[in-house]
Amino acid sequence: MTIEAFQQLIDRMYSDKDRARGTPRTFMWLSEEIGELAAALAEGTREQKEEEFADVLAWLATLANVEGIDLTQAIRNKYGEGCPGCGSLICTCNEKP
């Protein structure tokens, strides 16, 4: 499944609820899921980690949908030509480890 297809799937399943909830509350849900991912990374099974990664991605797609952001285009714009810092496909800059 592509990122675009996943974002559309999430939109189809949850768009009415998501837009009614709004950005601040949706961001709080994403933050909670990131916390659950952190816990799974520290002590969880592989299955728990997979579930939490999926949840984080779903809530990120949800937030993007609420904000009207196409994640595929955003990724392409920022990373499609290589590292945003140095422009290389294999990063050579020292901005972030």
PDB file of N, CA and C in Angstrom:
ATOM      1  N   MET A   1       0.845  -1.173   0.000  1.00  0.00           N
ATOM      2  CA  MET A   1       0.000   0.000   0.000  1.00  0.00           C
ATOM      3  C   MET A   1       0.893   1.239   0.000  1.00  0.00           C
ATOM      4  N   THR A   2       0.557   2.203  -0.816  1.00  0.00           N
ATOM      5  CA  THR A   2       1.318   3.449  -0.854  1.00  0.00           C
ATOM      6  C   THR A   2       0.878   4.378   0.267  1.00  0.00           C
ATOM      7  N   ILE A   3       1.681   5.375   0.530  1.00  0.00           N
ATOM      8  CA  ILE A   3       1.299   6.383   1.524  1.00  0.00           C
ATOM      9  C   ILE A   3       0.013   7.080   1.072  1.00  0.00           C
ATOM     10  N   GLU A   4      -0.067   7.388  -0.212  1.00  0.00           N
ATOM     11  CA  GLU A   4      -1.264   8.047  -0.742  1.00  0.00           C
ATOM     12  C   GLU A   4      -2.514   7.190  -0.539  1.00  0.00           C
ATOM     13  N   ALA A   5      -2.423   5.909  -0.851  1.00  0.00           N
ATOM     14  CA  ALA A   5      -3.566   5.008  -0.683  1.00  0.00           C
ATOM     15  C   ALA A   5      -3.942   4.885   0.793  1.00  0.00           C
ATOM     16  N   PHE A   6      -2.936   4.818   1.663  1.00  0.00           N
ATOM     17  CA  PHE A   6      -3.215   4.715   3.095  1.00  0.00           C
ATOM     18  C   PHE A   6      -3.902   5.979   3.602  1.00  0.00           C
ATOM     19  N   GLN A   7      -3.409   7.135   3.197  1.00  0.00           N
ATOM     20  CA  GLN A   7      -4.023   8.389   3.626  1.00  0.00           C
ATOM     21  C   GLN A   7      -5.474   8.463   3.152  1.00  0.00           C
ATOM     22  N   GLN A   8      -5.735   8.027   1.929  1.00  0.00           N
ATOM     23  CA  GLN A   8      -7.105   8.022   1.409  1.00  0.00           C
ATOM     24  C   GLN A   8      -7.979   7.033   2.172  1.00  0.00           C
ATOM     25  N   LEU A   9      -7.429   5.882   2.517  1.00  0.00           N
ATOM     26  CA  LEU A   9      -8.165   4.887   3.295  1.00  0.00           C
ATOM     27  C   LEU A   9      -8.570   5.455   4.653  1.00  0.00           C
ATOM     28  N   ILE A  10      -7.624   6.066   5.336  1.00  0.00           N
ATOM     29  CA  ILE A  10      -7.908   6.669   6.640  1.00  0.00           C
ATOM     30  C   ILE A  10      -8.970   7.754   6.487  1.00  0.00           C
ATOM     31  N   ASP A  11      -8.861   8.550   5.452  1.00  0.00           N
ATOM     32  CA  ASP A  11      -9.848   9.606   5.209  1.00  0.00           C
ATOM     33  C   ASP A  11     -11.236   9.013   4.979  1.00  0.00           C
ATOM     34  N   ARG A  12     -11.295   7.961   4.182  1.00  0.00           N
ATOM     35  CA  ARG A  12     -12.577   7.319   3.888  1.00  0.00           C
ATOM     36  C   ARG A  12     -13.202   6.732   5.154  1.00  0.00           C
ATOM     37  N   MET A  13     -12.395   6.134   6.005  1.00  0.00           N
ATOM     38  CA  MET A  13     -12.914   5.489   7.212  1.00  0.00           C
ATOM     39  C   MET A  13     -13.341   6.488   8.287  1.00  0.00           C
ATOM     40  N   TYR A  14     -12.559   7.577   8.440  1.00  0.00           N
ATOM     41  CA  TYR A  14     -12.727   8.396   9.633  1.00  0.00           C
ATOM     42  C   TYR A  14     -12.948   9.885   9.398  1.00  0.00           C
ATOM     43  N   SER A  15     -13.064  10.340   8.160  1.00  0.00           N
ATOM     44  CA  SER A  15     -13.004  11.783   7.879  1.00  0.00           C
ATOM     45  C   SER A  15     -14.024  12.612   8.657  1.00  0.00           C
ATOM     46  N   ASP A  16     -15.260  12.147   8.766  1.00  0.00           N
ATOM     47  CA  ASP A  16     -16.268  12.946   9.472  1.00  0.00           C
ATOM     48  C   ASP A  16     -15.891  13.137  10.942  1.00  0.00           C
ATOM     49  N   LYS A  17     -15.506  12.053  11.600  1.00  0.00           N
ATOM     50  CA  LYS A  17     -15.096  12.136  13.011  1.00  0.00           C
ATOM     51  C   LYS A  17     -13.857  13.016  13.172  1.00  0.00           C
ATOM     52  N   ASP A  18     -12.896  12.818  12.268  1.00  0.00           N
ATOM     53  CA  ASP A  18     -11.620  13.530  12.377  1.00  0.00           C
ATOM     54  C   ASP A  18     -11.805  15.035  12.233  1.00  0.00           C
ATOM     55  N   ARG A  19     -12.548  15.451  11.253  1.00  0.00           N
ATOM     56  CA  ARG A  19     -12.748  16.882  11.037  1.00  0.00           C
ATOM     57  C   ARG A  19     -13.559  17.503  12.174  1.00  0.00           C
ATOM     58  N   ALA A  20     -14.500  16.747  12.716  1.00  0.00           N
ATOM     59  CA  ALA A  20     -15.283  17.244  13.860  1.00  0.00           C
ATOM     60  C   ALA A  20     -14.396  17.390  15.098  1.00  0.00           C
ATOM     61  N   ARG A  21     -13.428  16.494  15.254  1.00  0.00           N
ATOM     62  CA  ARG A  21     -12.521  16.544  16.406  1.00  0.00           C
ATOM     63  C   ARG A  21     -11.590  17.744  16.296  1.00  0.00           C
ATOM     64  N   GLY A  22     -11.138  18.043  15.095  1.00  0.00           N
ATOM     65  CA  GLY A  22     -10.266  19.190  14.877  1.00  0.00           C
ATOM     66  C   GLY A  22      -8.797  18.902  15.115  1.00  0.00           C
ATOM     67  N   THR A  23      -7.998  19.873  14.764  1.00  0.00           N
ATOM     68  CA  THR A  23      -6.542  19.729  14.818  1.00  0.00           C
ATOM     69  C   THR A  23      -5.995  19.547  16.234  1.00  0.00           C
ATOM     70  N   PRO A  24      -6.343  20.397  17.197  1.00  0.00           N
ATOM     71  CA  PRO A  24      -5.710  20.246  18.523  1.00  0.00           C
ATOM     72  C   PRO A  24      -5.951  18.872  19.153  1.00  0.00           C
ATOM     73  N   ARG A  25      -7.175  18.382  19.100  1.00  0.00           N
ATOM     74  CA  ARG A  25      -7.462  17.084  19.721  1.00  0.00           C
ATOM     75  C   ARG A  25      -6.864  15.931  18.914  1.00  0.00           C
ATOM     76  N   THR A  26      -6.826  16.085  17.599  1.00  0.00           N
ATOM     77  CA  THR A  26      -6.205  15.052  16.774  1.00  0.00           C
ATOM     78  C   THR A  26      -4.715  14.979  17.062  1.00  0.00           C
ATOM     79  N   PHE A  27      -4.083  16.133  17.219  1.00  0.00           N
ATOM     80  CA  PHE A  27      -2.653  16.156  17.559  1.00  0.00           C
ATOM     81  C   PHE A  27      -2.415  15.497  18.916  1.00  0.00           C
ATOM     82  N   MET A  28      -3.306  15.698  19.856  1.00  0.00           N
ATOM     83  CA  MET A  28      -3.165  15.050  21.165  1.00  0.00           C
ATOM     84  C   MET A  28      -3.226  13.530  21.025  1.00  0.00           C
ATOM     85  N   TRP A  29      -4.119  13.034  20.169  1.00  0.00           N
ATOM     86  CA  TRP A  29      -4.189  11.582  19.935  1.00  0.00           C
ATOM     87  C   TRP A  29      -2.888  11.077  19.328  1.00  0.00           C
ATOM     88  N   LEU A  30      -2.353  11.822  18.339  1.00  0.00           N
ATOM     89  CA  LEU A  30      -1.074  11.439  17.738  1.00  0.00           C
ATOM     90  C   LEU A  30       0.016  11.389  18.809  1.00  0.00           C
ATOM     91  N   SER A  31       0.051  12.385  19.652  1.00  0.00           N
ATOM     92  CA  SER A  31       1.054  12.431  20.725  1.00  0.00           C
ATOM     93  C   SER A  31       0.924  11.232  21.659  1.00  0.00           C
ATOM     94  N   GLU A  32      -0.295  10.863  21.986  1.00  0.00           N
ATOM     95  CA  GLU A  32      -0.519   9.699  22.845  1.00  0.00           C
ATOM     96  C   GLU A  32       0.001   8.433  22.171  1.00  0.00           C
ATOM     97  N   GLU A  33      -0.257   8.309  20.885  1.00  0.00           N
ATOM     98  CA  GLU A  33       0.222   7.125  20.158  1.00  0.00           C
ATOM     99  C   GLU A  33       1.741   7.085  20.089  1.00  0.00           C
ATOM    100  N   ILE A  34       2.376   8.243  19.977  1.00  0.00           N
ATOM    101  CA  ILE A  34       3.840   8.280  19.982  1.00  0.00           C
ATOM    102  C   ILE A  34       4.360   7.798  21.334  1.00  0.00           C
ATOM    103  N   GLY A  35       3.687   8.164  22.405  1.00  0.00           N
ATOM    104  CA  GLY A  35       4.051   7.666  23.729  1.00  0.00           C
ATOM    105  C   GLY A  35       3.905   6.158  23.831  1.00  0.00           C
ATOM    106  N   GLU A  36       2.833   5.622  23.252  1.00  0.00           N
ATOM    107  CA  GLU A  36       2.633   4.173  23.260  1.00  0.00           C
ATOM    108  C   GLU A  36       3.711   3.477  22.427  1.00  0.00           C
ATOM    109  N   LEU A  37       4.125   4.105  21.334  1.00  0.00           N
ATOM    110  CA  LEU A  37       5.213   3.544  20.530  1.00  0.00           C
ATOM    111  C   LEU A  37       6.506   3.535  21.336  1.00  0.00           C
ATOM    112  N   ALA A  38       6.762   4.604  22.058  1.00  0.00           N
ATOM    113  CA  ALA A  38       7.974   4.668  22.885  1.00  0.00           C
ATOM    114  C   ALA A  38       7.989   3.528  23.904  1.00  0.00           C
ATOM    115  N   ALA A  39       6.863   3.276  24.525  1.00  0.00           N
ATOM    116  CA  ALA A  39       6.784   2.188  25.498  1.00  0.00           C
ATOM    117  C   ALA A  39       6.996   0.837  24.828  1.00  0.00           C
ATOM    118  N   ALA A  40       6.416   0.651  23.654  1.00  0.00           N
ATOM    119  CA  ALA A  40       6.587  -0.612  22.935  1.00  0.00           C
ATOM    120  C   ALA A  40       8.038  -0.808  22.506  1.00  0.00           C
ATOM    121  N   LEU A  41       8.693   0.266  22.080  1.00  0.00           N
ATOM    122  CA  LEU A  41      10.103   0.160  21.697  1.00  0.00           C
ATOM    123  C   LEU A  41      10.974  -0.222  22.882  1.00  0.00           C
ATOM    124  N   ALA A  42      10.607   0.273  24.054  1.00  0.00           N
ATOM    125  CA  ALA A  42      11.396  -0.011  25.253  1.00  0.00           C
ATOM    126  C   ALA A  42      11.198  -1.429  25.751  1.00  0.00           C
ATOM    127  N   GLU A  43       9.957  -1.926  25.704  1.00  0.00           N
ATOM    128  CA  GLU A  43       9.681  -3.203  26.356  1.00  0.00           C
ATOM    129  C   GLU A  43       8.748  -4.128  25.596  1.00  0.00           C
ATOM    130  N   GLY A  44       8.255  -3.711  24.447  1.00  0.00           N
ATOM    131  CA  GLY A  44       7.223  -4.477  23.767  1.00  0.00           C
ATOM    132  C   GLY A  44       7.740  -5.595  22.887  1.00  0.00           C
ATOM    133  N   THR A  45       6.805  -6.429  22.500  1.00  0.00           N
ATOM    134  CA  THR A  45       7.099  -7.498  21.543  1.00  0.00           C
ATOM    135  C   THR A  45       7.144  -6.897  20.139  1.00  0.00           C
ATOM    136  N   ARG A  46       7.599  -7.659  19.195  1.00  0.00           N
ATOM    137  CA  ARG A  46       7.620  -7.204  17.801  1.00  0.00           C
ATOM    138  C   ARG A  46       6.200  -6.859  17.338  1.00  0.00           C
ATOM    139  N   GLU A  47       5.242  -7.681  17.701  1.00  0.00           N
ATOM    140  CA  GLU A  47       3.843  -7.432  17.323  1.00  0.00           C
ATOM    141  C   GLU A  47       3.341  -6.110  17.901  1.00  0.00           C
ATOM    142  N   GLN A  48       3.646  -5.840  19.159  1.00  0.00           N
ATOM    143  CA  GLN A  48       3.234  -4.574  19.784  1.00  0.00           C
ATOM    144  C   GLN A  48       3.892  -3.383  19.086  1.00  0.00           C
ATOM    145  N   LYS A  49       5.175  -3.526  18.737  1.00  0.00           N
ATOM    146  CA  LYS A  49       5.871  -2.451  18.030  1.00  0.00           C
ATOM    147  C   LYS A  49       5.218  -2.193  16.681  1.00  0.00           C
ATOM    148  N   GLU A  50       4.904  -3.255  15.938  1.00  0.00           N
ATOM    149  CA  GLU A  50       4.255  -3.098  14.638  1.00  0.00           C
ATOM    150  C   GLU A  50       2.917  -2.375  14.776  1.00  0.00           C
ATOM    151  N   GLU A  51       2.135  -2.774  15.773  1.00  0.00           N
ATOM    152  CA  GLU A  51       0.832  -2.142  15.992  1.00  0.00           C
ATOM    153  C   GLU A  51       0.978  -0.656  16.301  1.00  0.00           C
ATOM    154  N   GLU A  52       1.948  -0.319  17.118  1.00  0.00           N
ATOM    155  CA  GLU A  52       2.127   1.082  17.496  1.00  0.00           C
ATOM    156  C   GLU A  52       2.675   1.917  16.339  1.00  0.00           C
ATOM    157  N   PHE A  53       3.576   1.343  15.541  1.00  0.00           N
ATOM    158  CA  PHE A  53       4.027   2.052  14.340  1.00  0.00           C
ATOM    159  C   PHE A  53       2.834   2.333  13.428  1.00  0.00           C
ATOM    160  N   ALA A  54       1.977   1.339  13.254  1.00  0.00           N
ATOM    161  CA  ALA A  54       0.789   1.517  12.407  1.00  0.00           C
ATOM    162  C   ALA A  54      -0.132   2.587  12.975  1.00  0.00           C
ATOM    163  N   ASP A  55      -0.325   2.586  14.289  1.00  0.00           N
ATOM    164  CA  ASP A  55      -1.177   3.596  14.913  1.00  0.00           C
ATOM    165  C   ASP A  55      -0.618   4.999  14.729  1.00  0.00           C
ATOM    166  N   VAL A  56       0.693   5.157  14.914  1.00  0.00           N
ATOM    167  CA  VAL A  56       1.312   6.477  14.739  1.00  0.00           C
ATOM    168  C   VAL A  56       1.126   6.954  13.301  1.00  0.00           C
ATOM    169  N   LEU A  57       1.357   6.062  12.352  1.00  0.00           N
ATOM    170  CA  LEU A  57       1.188   6.443  10.951  1.00  0.00           C
ATOM    171  C   LEU A  57      -0.269   6.801  10.647  1.00  0.00           C
ATOM    172  N   ALA A  58      -1.211   6.050  11.210  1.00  0.00           N
ATOM    173  CA  ALA A  58      -2.632   6.340  10.998  1.00  0.00           C
ATOM    174  C   ALA A  58      -3.006   7.702  11.558  1.00  0.00           C
ATOM    175  N   TRP A  59      -2.519   8.023  12.754  1.00  0.00           N
ATOM    176  CA  TRP A  59      -2.849   9.311  13.346  1.00  0.00           C
ATOM    177  C   TRP A  59      -2.131  10.456  12.649  1.00  0.00           C
ATOM    178  N   LEU A  60      -0.948  10.213  12.105  1.00  0.00           N
ATOM    179  CA  LEU A  60      -0.268  11.230  11.307  1.00  0.00           C
ATOM    180  C   LEU A  60      -1.065  11.500  10.028  1.00  0.00           C
ATOM    181  N   ALA A  61      -1.538  10.439   9.383  1.00  0.00           N
ATOM    182  CA  ALA A  61      -2.379  10.595   8.186  1.00  0.00           C
ATOM    183  C   ALA A  61      -3.667  11.319   8.535  1.00  0.00           C
ATOM    184  N   THR A  62      -4.242  11.002   9.676  1.00  0.00           N
ATOM    185  CA  THR A  62      -5.452  11.675  10.127  1.00  0.00           C
ATOM    186  C   THR A  62      -5.215  13.172  10.289  1.00  0.00           C
ATOM    187  N   LEU A  63      -4.137  13.518  10.961  1.00  0.00           N
ATOM    188  CA  LEU A  63      -3.815  14.929  11.181  1.00  0.00           C
ATOM    189  C   LEU A  63      -3.588  15.636   9.843  1.00  0.00           C
ATOM    190  N   ALA A  64      -2.888  14.993   8.944  1.00  0.00           N
ATOM    191  CA  ALA A  64      -2.668  15.578   7.616  1.00  0.00           C
ATOM    192  C   ALA A  64      -3.996  15.780   6.897  1.00  0.00           C
ATOM    193  N   ASN A  65      -4.903  14.826   6.999  1.00  0.00           N
ATOM    194  CA  ASN A  65      -6.216  14.971   6.373  1.00  0.00           C
ATOM    195  C   ASN A  65      -6.988  16.143   6.957  1.00  0.00           C
ATOM    196  N   VAL A  66      -6.979  16.266   8.268  1.00  0.00           N
ATOM    197  CA  VAL A  66      -7.686  17.376   8.924  1.00  0.00           C
ATOM    198  C   VAL A  66      -7.126  18.714   8.440  1.00  0.00           C
ATOM    199  N   GLU A  67      -5.809  18.755   8.232  1.00  0.00           N
ATOM    200  CA  GLU A  67      -5.148  19.989   7.801  1.00  0.00           C
ATOM    201  C   GLU A  67      -5.117  20.176   6.285  1.00  0.00           C
ATOM    202  N   GLY A  68      -5.616  19.178   5.540  1.00  0.00           N
ATOM    203  CA  GLY A  68      -5.623  19.276   4.091  1.00  0.00           C
ATOM    204  C   GLY A  68      -4.248  19.130   3.454  1.00  0.00           C
ATOM    205  N   ILE A  69      -3.389  18.336   4.077  1.00  0.00           N
ATOM    206  CA  ILE A  69      -2.025  18.120   3.592  1.00  0.00           C
ATOM    207  C   ILE A  69      -1.940  16.759   2.910  1.00  0.00           C
ATOM    208  N   ASP A  70      -1.434  16.736   1.698  1.00  0.00           N
ATOM    209  CA  ASP A  70      -1.165  15.498   0.974  1.00  0.00           C
ATOM    210  C   ASP A  70       0.227  15.032   1.395  1.00  0.00           C
ATOM    211  N   LEU A  71       0.286  13.962   2.167  1.00  0.00           N
ATOM    212  CA  LEU A  71       1.568  13.492   2.692  1.00  0.00           C
ATOM    213  C   LEU A  71       2.540  13.093   1.583  1.00  0.00           C
ATOM    214  N   THR A  72       2.043  12.462   0.545  1.00  0.00           N
ATOM    215  CA  THR A  72       2.924  12.065  -0.553  1.00  0.00           C
ATOM    216  C   THR A  72       3.593  13.285  -1.172  1.00  0.00           C
ATOM    217  N   GLN A  73       2.822  14.326  -1.410  1.00  0.00           N
ATOM    218  CA  GLN A  73       3.384  15.541  -1.995  1.00  0.00           C
ATOM    219  C   GLN A  73       4.337  16.231  -1.022  1.00  0.00           C
ATOM    220  N   ALA A  74       3.978  16.246   0.258  1.00  0.00           N
ATOM    221  CA  ALA A  74       4.851  16.861   1.260  1.00  0.00           C
ATOM    222  C   ALA A  74       6.201  16.145   1.323  1.00  0.00           C
ATOM    223  N   ILE A  75       6.168  14.816   1.277  1.00  0.00           N
ATOM    224  CA  ILE A  75       7.407  14.031   1.289  1.00  0.00           C
ATOM    225  C   ILE A  75       8.216  14.296   0.033  1.00  0.00           C
ATOM    226  N   ARG A  76       7.531  14.296  -1.096  1.00  0.00           N
ATOM    227  CA  ARG A  76       8.210  14.549  -2.371  1.00  0.00           C
ATOM    228  C   ARG A  76       8.859  15.927  -2.362  1.00  0.00           C
ATOM    229  N   ASN A  77       8.129  16.928  -1.880  1.00  0.00           N
ATOM    230  CA  ASN A  77       8.659  18.293  -1.852  1.00  0.00           C
ATOM    231  C   ASN A  77       9.896  18.407  -0.967  1.00  0.00           C
ATOM    232  N   LYS A  78       9.875  17.743   0.183  1.00  0.00           N
ATOM    233  CA  LYS A  78      10.978  17.904   1.133  1.00  0.00           C
ATOM    234  C   LYS A  78      12.147  16.955   0.867  1.00  0.00           C
ATOM    235  N   TYR A  79      11.854  15.700   0.500  1.00  0.00           N
ATOM    236  CA  TYR A  79      12.910  14.683   0.403  1.00  0.00           C
ATOM    237  C   TYR A  79      13.101  14.102  -0.996  1.00  0.00           C
ATOM    238  N   GLY A  80      12.322  14.541  -1.965  1.00  0.00           N
ATOM    239  CA  GLY A  80      12.357  13.961  -3.298  1.00  0.00           C
ATOM    240  C   GLY A  80      13.656  14.146  -4.050  1.00  0.00           C
ATOM    241  N   GLU A  81      14.418  15.164  -3.694  1.00  0.00           N
ATOM    242  CA  GLU A  81      15.689  15.426  -4.375  1.00  0.00           C
ATOM    243  C   GLU A  81      16.891  15.031  -3.532  1.00  0.00           C
ATOM    244  N   GLY A  82      16.644  14.474  -2.355  1.00  0.00           N
ATOM    245  CA  GLY A  82      17.730  14.081  -1.461  1.00  0.00           C
ATOM    246  C   GLY A  82      17.608  14.781  -0.120  1.00  0.00           C
ATOM    247  N   CYS A  83      18.692  14.774   0.612  1.00  0.00           N
ATOM    248  CA  CYS A  83      18.732  15.384   1.943  1.00  0.00           C
ATOM    249  C   CYS A  83      18.381  16.867   1.844  1.00  0.00           C
ATOM    250  N   PRO A  84      17.443  17.339   2.659  1.00  0.00           N
ATOM    251  CA  PRO A  84      17.106  18.760   2.626  1.00  0.00           C
ATOM    252  C   PRO A  84      18.265  19.677   3.030  1.00  0.00           C
ATOM    253  N   GLY A  85      19.224  19.147   3.769  1.00  0.00           N
ATOM    254  CA  GLY A  85      20.368  19.951   4.207  1.00  0.00           C
ATOM    255  C   GLY A  85      21.445  20.097   3.157  1.00  0.00           C
ATOM    256  N   CYS A  86      21.890  18.963   2.620  1.00  0.00           N
ATOM    257  CA  CYS A  86      23.016  19.006   1.671  1.00  0.00           C
ATOM    258  C   CYS A  86      22.599  18.723   0.236  1.00  0.00           C
ATOM    259  N   GLY A  87      21.404  18.193   0.041  1.00  0.00           N
ATOM    260  CA  GLY A  87      20.915  17.910  -1.305  1.00  0.00           C
ATOM    261  C   GLY A  87      21.374  16.586  -1.879  1.00  0.00           C
ATOM    262  N   SER A  88      22.177  15.843  -1.151  1.00  0.00           N
ATOM    263  CA  SER A  88      22.687  14.562  -1.648  1.00  0.00           C
ATOM    264  C   SER A  88      21.717  13.434  -1.313  1.00  0.00           C
ATOM    265  N   LEU A  89      21.728  12.402  -2.167  1.00  0.00           N
ATOM    266  CA  LEU A  89      20.916  11.227  -1.860  1.00  0.00           C
ATOM    267  C   LEU A  89      21.486  10.458  -0.681  1.00  0.00           C
ATOM    268  N   ILE A  90      22.782  10.531  -0.487  1.00  0.00           N
ATOM    269  CA  ILE A  90      23.413   9.992   0.715  1.00  0.00           C
ATOM    270  C   ILE A  90      23.916  11.205   1.477  1.00  0.00           C
ATOM    271  N   CYS A  91      23.312  11.477   2.604  1.00  0.00           N
ATOM    272  CA  CYS A  91      23.577  12.705   3.357  1.00  0.00           C
ATOM    273  C   CYS A  91      25.062  12.838   3.705  1.00  0.00           C
ATOM    274  N   THR A  92      25.586  14.038   3.459  1.00  0.00           N
ATOM    275  CA  THR A  92      26.970  14.358   3.808  1.00  0.00           C
ATOM    276  C   THR A  92      27.063  15.565   4.731  1.00  0.00           C
ATOM    277  N   CYS A  93      25.917  16.059   5.155  1.00  0.00           N
ATOM    278  CA  CYS A  93      25.955  17.245   6.023  1.00  0.00           C
ATOM    279  C   CYS A  93      26.021  16.829   7.493  1.00  0.00           C
ATOM    280  N   ASN A  94      26.305  17.793   8.329  1.00  0.00           N
ATOM    281  CA  ASN A  94      26.424  17.537   9.761  1.00  0.00           C
ATOM    282  C   ASN A  94      25.297  18.186  10.552  1.00  0.00           C
ATOM    283  N   GLU A  95      24.191  18.556   9.887  1.00  0.00           N
ATOM    284  CA  GLU A  95      23.099  19.247  10.572  1.00  0.00           C
ATOM    285  C   GLU A  95      22.431  18.378  11.629  1.00  0.00           C
ATOM    286  N   LYS A  96      22.161  17.107  11.295  1.00  0.00           N
ATOM    287  CA  LYS A  96      21.538  16.186  12.233  1.00  0.00           C
ATOM    288  C   LYS A  96      22.244  14.848  12.119  1.00  0.00           C
ATOM    289  N   PRO A  97      22.428  14.175  13.253  1.00  0.00           N
ATOM    290  CA  PRO A  97      23.115  12.867  13.217  1.00  0.00           C
ATOM    291  C   PRO A  97      22.277  11.812  12.520  1.00  0.00           C
TER     292      PRO A  97
END
